[in-house]
Amino acid sequence: MNIKPLADRVLIKPAAAEEKTASGIIIPDSAKEKPLKGEVLAVGKGTKDEEMVVKKGDVVLYGKYAGTELELDGEKYLIMRQSDILAII
């Protein structure tokens, strides 16, 4: 992958959306919730005011509308500021 986030930005691969409910009902694509967790694939170097806390490989939770979606080679990714990340799991 050739994407290198700058400053305090983080590249995240969102987790797959739930395909079924606990009772076995299949959820159509139009009704699936946007996943709110994902794996960190790359991090920037930070800024002089903000040190990078997350690192490659961390699984994180982020806000529902956080980040910018991008698609590369058919895969969907999010790029967001570290401050948009709510927690490391």
Protein backbone atom coordinates (compact mmCIF):
# COMPACT_ATOMS: atom_id res chain seq x y z
CA MET A 1 0.00 0.00 0.00
CA ASN A 2 1.34 3.41 -0.95
CA ILE A 3 -0.74 5.60 1.36
CA LYS A 4 1.28 7.41 4.05
CA PRO A 5 -0.79 9.67 6.33
CA LEU A 6 0.67 13.10 7.09
CA ALA A 7 0.92 14.92 10.44
CA ASP A 8 -1.60 13.55 12.97
CA ARG A 9 -3.66 11.52 10.50
CA VAL A 10 -4.32 7.78 10.65
CA LEU A 11 -5.30 5.29 7.92
CA ILE A 12 -7.92 2.76 9.08
CA LYS A 13 -9.40 -0.36 7.49
CA PRO A 14 -13.01 -0.45 8.80
CA ALA A 15 -14.26 -3.75 10.22
CA ALA A 16 -16.83 -5.59 8.11
CA ALA A 17 -20.46 -4.72 8.81
CA GLU A 18 -22.62 -7.34 10.51
CA GLU A 19 -24.15 -9.77 7.98
CA LYS A 20 -26.66 -11.44 10.35
CA THR A 21 -28.39 -10.69 13.62
CA ALA A 22 -28.07 -12.97 16.65
CA SER A 23 -31.35 -14.64 15.67
CA GLY A 24 -30.03 -15.45 12.18
CA ILE A 25 -31.85 -12.77 10.17
CA ILE A 26 -29.77 -11.65 7.19
CA ILE A 27 -29.33 -7.86 7.02
CA PRO A 28 -29.54 -6.29 3.52
CA ASP A 29 -26.76 -3.88 2.45
CA SER A 30 -29.09 -0.87 2.62
CA ALA A 31 -29.87 -1.48 6.32
CA LYS A 32 -26.35 -2.21 7.57
CA GLU A 33 -24.89 0.18 10.13
CA LYS A 34 -21.59 1.79 9.29
CA PRO A 35 -18.93 -0.01 11.38
CA LEU A 36 -17.44 2.07 14.17
CA LYS A 37 -14.24 0.12 14.66
CA GLY A 38 -11.31 -0.80 12.49
CA GLU A 39 -7.63 -1.64 12.30
CA VAL A 40 -4.93 1.02 12.01
CA LEU A 41 -2.86 0.38 8.86
CA ALA A 42 -0.59 3.45 8.92
CA VAL A 43 0.03 6.54 11.05
CA GLY A 44 1.58 9.93 10.42
CA LYS A 45 4.51 11.31 12.40
CA GLY A 46 2.38 13.62 14.54
CA THR A 47 2.78 17.32 15.05
CA LYS A 48 4.84 19.36 17.47
CA ASP A 49 1.67 19.78 19.57
CA GLU A 50 0.33 16.23 19.32
CA GLU A 51 2.31 13.03 19.80
CA MET A 52 0.98 9.94 18.05
CA VAL A 53 -0.50 7.49 20.55
CA VAL A 54 -1.99 4.94 18.13
CA LYS A 55 0.26 2.65 16.14
CA LYS A 56 -0.02 0.27 13.21
CA GLY A 57 -2.02 -2.83 14.14
CA ASP A 58 -4.16 -1.19 16.87
CA VAL A 59 -7.91 -1.86 16.74
CA VAL A 60 -9.72 1.40 17.42
CA LEU A 61 -13.21 2.82 17.91
CA TYR A 62 -14.11 6.06 16.12
CA GLY A 63 -17.11 8.36 15.76
CA LYS A 64 -19.92 7.60 13.31
CA TYR A 65 -19.09 10.50 10.99
CA ALA A 66 -15.33 10.61 11.58
CA GLY A 67 -12.81 10.64 8.78
CA THR A 68 -12.85 10.71 5.03
CA GLU A 69 -13.70 7.58 3.07
CA LEU A 70 -11.46 6.55 0.21
CA GLU A 71 -11.27 3.53 -2.05
CA LEU A 72 -8.09 1.99 -3.44
CA ASP A 73 -7.96 -1.21 -5.51
CA GLY A 74 -11.56 -2.04 -4.55
CA GLU A 75 -10.89 -1.79 -0.80
CA LYS A 76 -12.49 0.89 1.39
CA TYR A 77 -10.43 2.85 3.92
CA LEU A 78 -10.86 5.80 6.25
CA ILE A 79 -8.33 8.52 6.87
CA MET A 80 -8.89 10.66 9.96
CA ARG A 81 -7.13 12.73 12.59
CA GLN A 82 -5.95 10.91 15.67
CA SER A 83 -8.27 13.13 17.74
CA ASP A 84 -11.30 11.56 15.97
CA ILE A 85 -10.39 8.18 17.49
CA LEU A 86 -12.35 7.48 20.66
CA ALA A 87 -10.51 4.45 22.07
CA ILE A 88 -7.99 1.71 21.42
CA ILE A 89 -9.43 -1.79 21.99
